[in-house]
C-alpha cells in the first residue's frame, strides 16, 4: 500500500456515508493477503480515522496488552461489530493534526503485516508499531540528537545507502533498518544481520560493543560488523545532506520514502532541530565489513558465568583483518539469502 492510499480510502468512506451516521463506524478491508484481516475505518460521529487488525483468539493472542500512546486511542477486543471469537486491535486517531503521519503509519503497518508468517506474529508486529508511534510522539522535544547519536545515525544511513540499497530494494532495505528502535543489530534482513559502528578517525579505532547479544550470530545465518570512520572537515558531507541523499534513492519507491521518515523520527531526528545537522561535515570512509563467526573476538551469553549480563566491552578494529569481507561479497550474500 502506497503512503497516500490510506487517506484516499478514508476520504471515500466519509464521502460514501451520506447522511453521516450518529454512531458506530464505517470500514473497508484492505491487503487481503495478510494473515490477519486489516481494515481502515471512520468512526462516527467524530469522523476520526482508524485502523483495525482482526484475527482469531488463538495462540494466546487474547492476552495481549496495548500500550497507551499520545494521539491514538487503543482498544483490544472490546469493539462493537466484531464477530464473537475474534480478537481485534482497534486504533483510533484522536488528534487530527497527525492525520498525515497516521496515514504513513497505516501504509507502513500494512506493508509490514504482509510480511509476517502467522496471526500471532501479526499482532506482535502491530503492537511493535504502536510502541514506535509512542517513541515518535515522545521524541527529543526539539533538543536534537547528541553529537555521538548524530554520528551513529550518519553511519547507519551511509551503510543503508552504500551497501543495503542495491542488493535488495530500497523498500526492503529501509524495512530492515532497526537501529532507531534499539534492536541488538542495526539491520536485520531475513537471515542476515549487520551491526554498524561509527568512529572518529584515530590511528587505532576502538569499537564499542553494547551487549553480549550484539555480536551473537546464533539467531542469524549471517552476522556482519561494519565499521565506518568519520573525519570532521569542511570538505565533507553533513547529516542533513546524507538524509537527502538517501531520500533521492527512494523517489521511485514512495513507501520506502515514507518508512524512512518514520524511522528517522523514531530515532529522534527532526529536521532543523539542531544546527549541527547541517553545519557539521564529515569526510566518510567506505564501510569496512567483517564477518562475525568462529573465533571472532567477542563475548556472548554462552561465555558469561551465571548472573552476569548487560555487559559492554571494546574491540580494536586493527585486530579484525582476518575477518574482512569484500563489499561485493556482502552484496551477494544479502541479495542471495534475502532475494
Protein backbone atom coordinates (compact mmCIF):
# COMPACT_ATOMS: atom_id res chain seq x y z
CA UNK A 1 0.00 0.00 0.00
CA UNK A 2 1.40 3.39 -1.02
CA UNK A 3 1.60 6.00 1.69
CA UNK A 4 -1.18 8.17 0.12
CA UNK A 5 -3.68 5.31 -0.23
CA UNK A 6 -4.99 5.32 3.38
CA UNK A 7 -6.01 8.97 3.02
CA UNK A 8 -7.84 8.10 -0.20
CA UNK A 9 -9.71 5.21 1.45
CA UNK A 10 -10.70 7.30 4.48
CA UNK A 11 -11.90 10.12 2.22
CA UNK A 12 -14.03 7.65 0.22
CA UNK A 13 -15.54 6.21 3.40
CA UNK A 14 -16.54 9.71 4.52
CA UNK A 15 -17.98 10.56 1.10
CA UNK A 16 -19.98 7.31 0.96
CA UNK A 17 -21.59 7.94 4.36
CA UNK A 18 -24.37 10.28 3.31
CA UNK A 19 -26.03 11.14 5.61
CA UNK A 20 -23.29 10.60 8.18
CA UNK A 21 -24.22 8.14 10.95
CA UNK A 22 -24.58 9.34 14.54
CA UNK A 23 -22.73 6.33 15.96
CA UNK A 24 -20.74 3.25 15.00
CA UNK A 25 -18.17 3.09 12.24
CA UNK A 26 -17.74 2.51 8.52
CA UNK A 27 -14.86 0.26 7.48
CA UNK A 28 -13.23 -1.25 4.41
CA UNK A 29 -10.94 -4.29 4.26
CA UNK A 30 -7.52 -3.79 2.67
CA UNK A 31 -4.48 -6.01 1.98
CA UNK A 32 -6.45 -9.23 1.73
CA UNK A 33 -3.25 -11.31 1.50
CA UNK A 34 -2.35 -10.51 5.15
CA UNK A 35 -2.53 -13.29 7.76
CA UNK A 36 -4.99 -11.14 9.71
CA UNK A 37 -7.93 -9.11 8.49
CA UNK A 38 -6.90 -5.50 8.14
CA UNK A 39 -9.38 -2.62 7.84
CA UNK A 40 -9.34 1.15 7.53
CA UNK A 41 -12.32 2.77 9.22
CA UNK A 42 -14.07 6.02 10.07
CA UNK A 43 -15.72 6.32 13.49
CA UNK A 44 -18.96 8.27 13.90
CA UNK A 45 -19.99 10.93 14.70
CA UNK A 46 -16.41 12.25 15.09
CA UNK A 47 -15.16 11.24 11.64
CA UNK A 48 -11.88 10.05 13.16
CA UNK A 49 -9.61 7.79 11.14
CA UNK A 50 -8.98 4.28 12.45
CA UNK A 51 -7.05 1.09 11.74
CA UNK A 52 -8.43 -2.33 12.71
CA UNK A 53 -6.40 -5.53 12.97
CA UNK A 54 -8.71 -8.53 13.35
CA UNK A 55 -7.90 -12.20 13.88
CA UNK A 56 -8.88 -15.22 15.96
CA UNK A 57 -8.44 -15.74 19.71
CA UNK A 58 -5.77 -18.38 19.34
CA UNK A 59 -2.20 -18.90 20.37
CA UNK A 60 -2.59 -16.71 23.47
CA UNK A 61 -3.31 -13.61 21.41
CA UNK A 62 -6.27 -12.70 23.64
CA UNK A 63 -3.77 -11.92 26.42
CA UNK A 64 -2.06 -9.10 24.53
CA UNK A 65 -1.95 -5.72 26.19
CA UNK A 66 -1.90 -2.49 24.25
CA UNK A 67 0.36 0.42 25.16
CA UNK A 68 -1.21 3.79 25.82
CA UNK A 69 0.13 6.37 23.41
CA UNK A 70 -0.31 10.02 22.52
CA UNK A 71 -2.82 10.78 19.79
CA UNK A 72 -4.19 7.24 19.39
CA UNK A 73 -6.97 5.59 21.38
CA UNK A 74 -6.27 1.86 21.62
CA UNK A 75 -8.81 -0.89 22.30
CA UNK A 76 -8.33 -4.65 22.32
CA UNK A 77 -11.30 -6.95 21.55
CA UNK A 78 -13.99 -4.69 23.05
CA UNK A 79 -15.03 -3.24 19.70
CA UNK A 80 -18.67 -3.09 18.52
CA UNK A 81 -19.44 -5.18 15.45
CA UNK A 82 -16.54 -7.63 15.78
CA UNK A 83 -17.73 -11.26 15.47
CA UNK A 84 -17.64 -13.46 18.57
CA UNK A 85 -14.43 -15.46 18.83
CA UNK A 86 -12.38 -12.77 17.09
CA UNK A 87 -9.59 -10.69 18.56
CA UNK A 88 -9.50 -7.08 17.44
CA UNK A 89 -6.89 -4.36 17.84
CA UNK A 90 -8.63 -1.04 17.24
CA UNK A 91 -6.52 2.11 16.74
CA UNK A 92 -8.36 5.43 16.52
CA UNK A 93 -6.56 8.69 15.72
CA UNK A 94 -7.92 11.32 18.13
CA UNK A 95 -5.73 14.29 17.18
CA UNK A 96 -6.40 15.46 13.62
CA UNK A 97 -3.08 17.31 13.37
CA UNK A 98 -1.39 13.92 12.98
CA UNK A 99 -3.56 12.70 10.07
CA UNK A 100 -0.73 12.70 7.50
CA UNK A 101 1.62 10.91 9.88
CA UNK A 102 -1.12 8.40 10.75
CA UNK A 103 -1.65 7.69 7.03
CA UNK A 104 2.06 6.96 6.62
CA UNK A 105 1.89 4.81 9.75
CA UNK A 106 -1.05 2.86 8.27
CA UNK A 107 0.74 2.25 4.96
CA UNK A 108 3.91 1.07 6.70
CA UNK A 109 1.98 -1.17 9.09
CA UNK A 110 0.14 -2.76 6.14
CA UNK A 111 3.42 -3.47 4.37
CA UNK A 112 4.96 -4.98 7.50
CA UNK A 113 1.94 -7.17 8.28
CA UNK A 114 2.02 -8.55 4.75
CA UNK A 115 5.49 -9.95 5.53
CA UNK A 116 4.67 -11.93 8.69
CA UNK A 117 4.03 -15.66 8.79
CA UNK A 118 1.01 -16.00 11.10
CA UNK A 119 -1.65 -14.21 13.13
CA UNK A 120 0.28 -14.14 16.39
CA UNK A 121 3.28 -12.56 14.67
CA UNK A 122 0.94 -10.04 13.04
CA UNK A 123 -0.48 -8.89 16.37
CA UNK A 124 3.01 -8.63 17.86
CA UNK A 125 4.10 -6.55 14.87
CA UNK A 126 1.08 -4.27 15.25
CA UNK A 127 1.92 -3.70 18.92
CA UNK A 128 5.55 -3.04 18.00
CA UNK A 129 4.32 -0.38 15.59
CA UNK A 130 2.28 1.18 18.39
CA UNK A 131 5.41 1.30 20.51
CA UNK A 132 7.17 3.03 17.61
CA UNK A 133 4.40 5.63 17.42
CA UNK A 134 4.82 6.24 21.16
CA UNK A 135 8.58 6.77 20.73
CA UNK A 136 7.95 9.19 17.87
CA UNK A 137 5.40 11.18 19.87
CA UNK A 138 7.67 11.29 22.91
CA UNK A 139 10.76 12.20 20.91
CA UNK A 140 13.54 14.63 21.61
CA UNK A 141 11.35 17.64 22.37
CA UNK A 142 13.22 19.85 19.92
CA UNK A 143 16.64 19.43 21.54
CA UNK A 144 18.02 17.30 18.73
CA UNK A 145 20.43 14.40 18.84
CA UNK A 146 23.67 14.43 20.81
CA UNK A 147 26.92 14.51 18.76
CA UNK A 148 27.50 10.80 19.43
CA UNK A 149 23.99 9.88 18.27
CA UNK A 150 24.36 12.09 15.22
CA UNK A 151 27.48 10.20 14.21
CA UNK A 152 25.81 6.86 14.86
CA UNK A 153 22.82 7.81 12.71
CA UNK A 154 25.12 9.12 9.98
CA UNK A 155 26.99 5.80 9.89
CA UNK A 156 23.78 3.78 9.65
CA UNK A 157 22.46 5.97 6.84
CA UNK A 158 25.74 5.64 4.94
CA UNK A 159 25.55 1.86 5.25
CA UNK A 160 21.91 1.89 4.15
CA UNK A 161 22.83 3.96 1.10
CA UNK A 162 26.11 2.29 0.15
CA UNK A 163 25.57 -1.37 0.99
CA UNK A 164 21.90 -2.21 1.57
CA UNK A 165 20.12 -0.49 -1.32
CA UNK A 166 21.09 -2.33 -4.48
CA UNK A 167 21.40 -5.93 -3.29
CA UNK A 168 17.80 -5.51 -2.07
CA UNK A 169 15.16 -2.92 -2.97
CA UNK A 170 15.01 0.42 -1.19
CA UNK A 171 11.76 -0.68 0.44
CA UNK A 172 13.25 -3.94 1.75
CA UNK A 173 16.38 -2.09 2.83
CA UNK A 174 14.60 0.55 4.91
CA UNK A 175 12.23 -2.01 6.45
CA UNK A 176 15.34 -3.95 7.54
CA UNK A 177 16.75 -0.90 9.38
CA UNK A 178 16.17 -1.43 13.12
CA UNK A 179 18.81 0.93 14.51
CA UNK A 180 16.26 3.61 15.51
CA UNK A 181 14.27 1.10 17.57
CA UNK A 182 17.26 -0.03 19.66
CA UNK A 183 17.48 -3.57 18.31
CA UNK A 184 20.58 -5.66 19.06
CA UNK A 185 21.67 -5.19 15.43
CA UNK A 186 21.12 -2.14 13.22
CA UNK A 187 19.96 -4.10 10.16
CA UNK A 188 18.10 -7.41 10.06
CA UNK A 189 17.10 -8.53 6.59
CA UNK A 190 15.66 -12.07 6.70
CA UNK A 191 18.62 -14.28 7.70
CA UNK A 192 21.28 -11.54 7.56
CA UNK A 193 22.08 -9.09 10.36
CA UNK A 194 24.53 -6.18 10.43
CA UNK A 195 25.77 -4.10 13.34
CA UNK A 196 27.24 -0.73 12.28
CA UNK A 197 29.91 1.06 14.32
CA UNK A 198 30.89 4.63 13.53
CA UNK A 199 34.07 6.20 14.93
CA UNK A 200 36.05 9.41 14.62
CA UNK A 201 39.28 8.75 12.75
CA UNK A 202 42.14 7.71 15.02
CA UNK A 203 45.24 5.62 14.47
CA UNK A 204 43.74 2.71 16.41
CA UNK A 205 39.95 2.63 16.23
CA UNK A 206 38.15 1.02 19.15
CA UNK A 207 34.66 -0.35 18.55
CA UNK A 208 32.24 -0.23 21.48
CA UNK A 209 30.03 -3.32 21.82
CA UNK A 210 26.95 -2.60 23.91
CA UNK A 211 25.75 -6.03 24.99
CA UNK A 212 26.52 -9.75 24.91
CA UNK A 213 23.82 -10.15 22.24
CA UNK A 214 25.14 -7.61 19.77
CA UNK A 215 27.74 -9.93 18.20
CA UNK A 216 25.93 -13.21 18.86
CA UNK A 217 25.38 -14.86 15.49
CA UNK A 218 23.21 -17.67 16.90
CA UNK A 219 19.87 -16.15 15.75
CA UNK A 220 21.16 -15.43 12.21
CA UNK A 221 22.55 -17.31 9.25
CA UNK A 222 24.95 -14.42 8.62
CA UNK A 223 26.12 -11.70 11.02
CA UNK A 224 28.37 -8.84 9.95
CA UNK A 225 30.08 -5.97 11.77
CA UNK A 226 30.52 -2.82 9.69
CA UNK A 227 32.94 -0.05 10.62
CA UNK A 228 32.68 3.49 9.24
CA UNK A 229 35.30 6.14 10.01
CA UNK A 230 34.48 9.85 10.08
CA UNK A 231 36.95 12.71 9.76
CA UNK A 232 35.48 16.11 10.60
CA UNK A 233 36.22 18.75 7.97
CA UNK A 234 34.65 21.40 5.74
CA UNK A 235 35.15 19.29 2.60
CA UNK A 236 32.82 16.59 3.89
CA UNK A 237 29.07 15.95 3.97
CA UNK A 238 26.60 16.74 6.74
CA UNK A 239 23.99 14.53 8.39
CA UNK A 240 21.18 16.51 6.71
CA UNK A 241 22.83 16.11 3.29
CA UNK A 242 23.15 12.38 3.88
CA UNK A 243 19.46 12.11 4.75
CA UNK A 244 18.60 13.86 1.46
CA UNK A 245 20.98 11.60 -0.50
CA UNK A 246 19.19 8.52 0.88
CA UNK A 247 15.80 10.04 0.08
CA UNK A 248 16.86 10.59 -3.54
CA UNK A 249 17.47 6.86 -3.89
CA UNK A 250 13.86 6.23 -2.86
CA UNK A 251 11.97 8.63 -5.12
CA UNK A 252 10.55 5.75 -7.16
CA UNK A 253 9.53 3.80 -4.04
CA UNK A 254 7.15 6.09 -2.08
CA UNK A 255 6.54 3.51 0.64
CA UNK A 256 10.29 3.34 1.31
CA UNK A 257 10.41 7.14 1.47
CA UNK A 258 7.54 7.24 3.96
CA UNK A 259 9.06 4.50 6.11
CA UNK A 260 12.41 6.29 6.13
CA UNK A 261 10.70 9.39 7.54
CA UNK A 262 9.04 7.29 10.25
CA UNK A 263 12.29 5.63 11.27
CA UNK A 264 14.22 8.88 11.28
CA UNK A 265 11.60 10.41 13.55
CA UNK A 266 11.61 7.30 15.74
CA UNK A 267 15.37 7.68 16.11
CA UNK A 268 14.98 11.27 17.29
CA UNK A 269 15.91 13.04 14.06
CA UNK A 270 13.79 16.10 13.26
CA UNK A 271 14.93 18.43 10.53
CA UNK A 272 16.08 21.79 11.87
CA UNK A 273 16.15 20.66 15.50
CA UNK A 274 19.93 21.11 15.73
CA UNK A 275 22.18 23.34 13.62
CA UNK A 276 24.88 20.62 13.73
CA UNK A 277 22.76 18.57 11.32
CA UNK A 278 23.69 20.98 8.52
CA UNK A 279 26.80 22.73 9.85
CA UNK A 280 28.96 19.81 10.94
CA UNK A 281 30.52 17.99 7.99
CA UNK A 282 32.49 14.77 7.77
CA UNK A 283 34.69 13.01 5.27
CA UNK A 284 33.31 9.48 5.38
CA UNK A 285 35.24 6.29 4.72
CA UNK A 286 33.84 3.40 2.73
CA UNK A 287 32.25 0.87 5.09
CA UNK A 288 34.66 -1.86 6.20
CA UNK A 289 32.77 -5.10 6.72
CA UNK A 290 33.73 -8.08 8.89
CA UNK A 291 32.03 -11.46 9.03
CA UNK A 292 31.27 -12.38 12.65
CA UNK A 293 31.83 -16.11 13.02
CA UNK A 294 34.06 -18.72 14.64
CA UNK A 295 36.79 -17.18 16.78
CA UNK A 296 35.83 -13.59 16.10
CA UNK A 297 36.82 -11.61 19.25
CA UNK A 298 33.57 -11.17 21.18
CA UNK A 299 31.63 -12.04 24.29
CA UNK A 300 28.23 -13.70 24.02
CA UNK A 301 25.78 -15.20 26.53
CA UNK A 302 27.45 -18.61 26.41
CA UNK A 303 30.75 -17.03 27.53
CA UNK A 304 29.31 -15.49 30.69
CA UNK A 305 29.02 -17.08 34.13
CA UNK A 306 25.55 -17.29 35.70
CA UNK A 307 24.30 -13.94 36.96
CA UNK A 308 26.44 -11.83 34.61
CA UNK A 309 24.72 -9.80 31.89
CA UNK A 310 24.18 -6.42 30.29
CA UNK A 311 27.90 -6.15 29.57
CA UNK A 312 29.79 -3.63 27.48
CA UNK A 313 33.26 -4.10 26.02
CA UNK A 314 35.52 -2.85 23.21
CA UNK A 315 37.25 -4.40 20.21
CA UNK A 316 40.32 -2.99 18.45
CA UNK A 317 39.45 -2.74 14.76
CA UNK A 318 43.04 -3.48 13.69
CA UNK A 319 42.69 -6.99 15.17
CA UNK A 320 39.87 -7.94 12.80
CA UNK A 321 41.68 -8.08 9.45
CA UNK A 322 41.31 -11.87 9.09
CA UNK A 323 37.50 -11.48 9.12
CA UNK A 324 37.32 -8.85 6.37
CA UNK A 325 34.55 -9.34 3.82
CA UNK A 326 34.56 -7.66 0.44
CA UNK A 327 31.64 -5.29 -0.18
CA UNK A 328 30.66 -7.16 -3.34
CA UNK A 329 30.69 -10.45 -1.45
CA UNK A 330 28.45 -8.93 1.21
CA UNK A 331 26.06 -7.80 -1.52
CA UNK A 332 25.95 -11.31 -2.96
CA UNK A 333 25.16 -12.76 0.47
CA UNK A 334 22.48 -10.16 1.16
CA UNK A 335 20.87 -10.48 -2.24
CA UNK A 336 21.17 -14.26 -2.34
CA UNK A 337 19.82 -15.01 1.12
CA UNK A 338 17.13 -12.36 1.06
CA UNK A 339 16.26 -12.30 -2.63
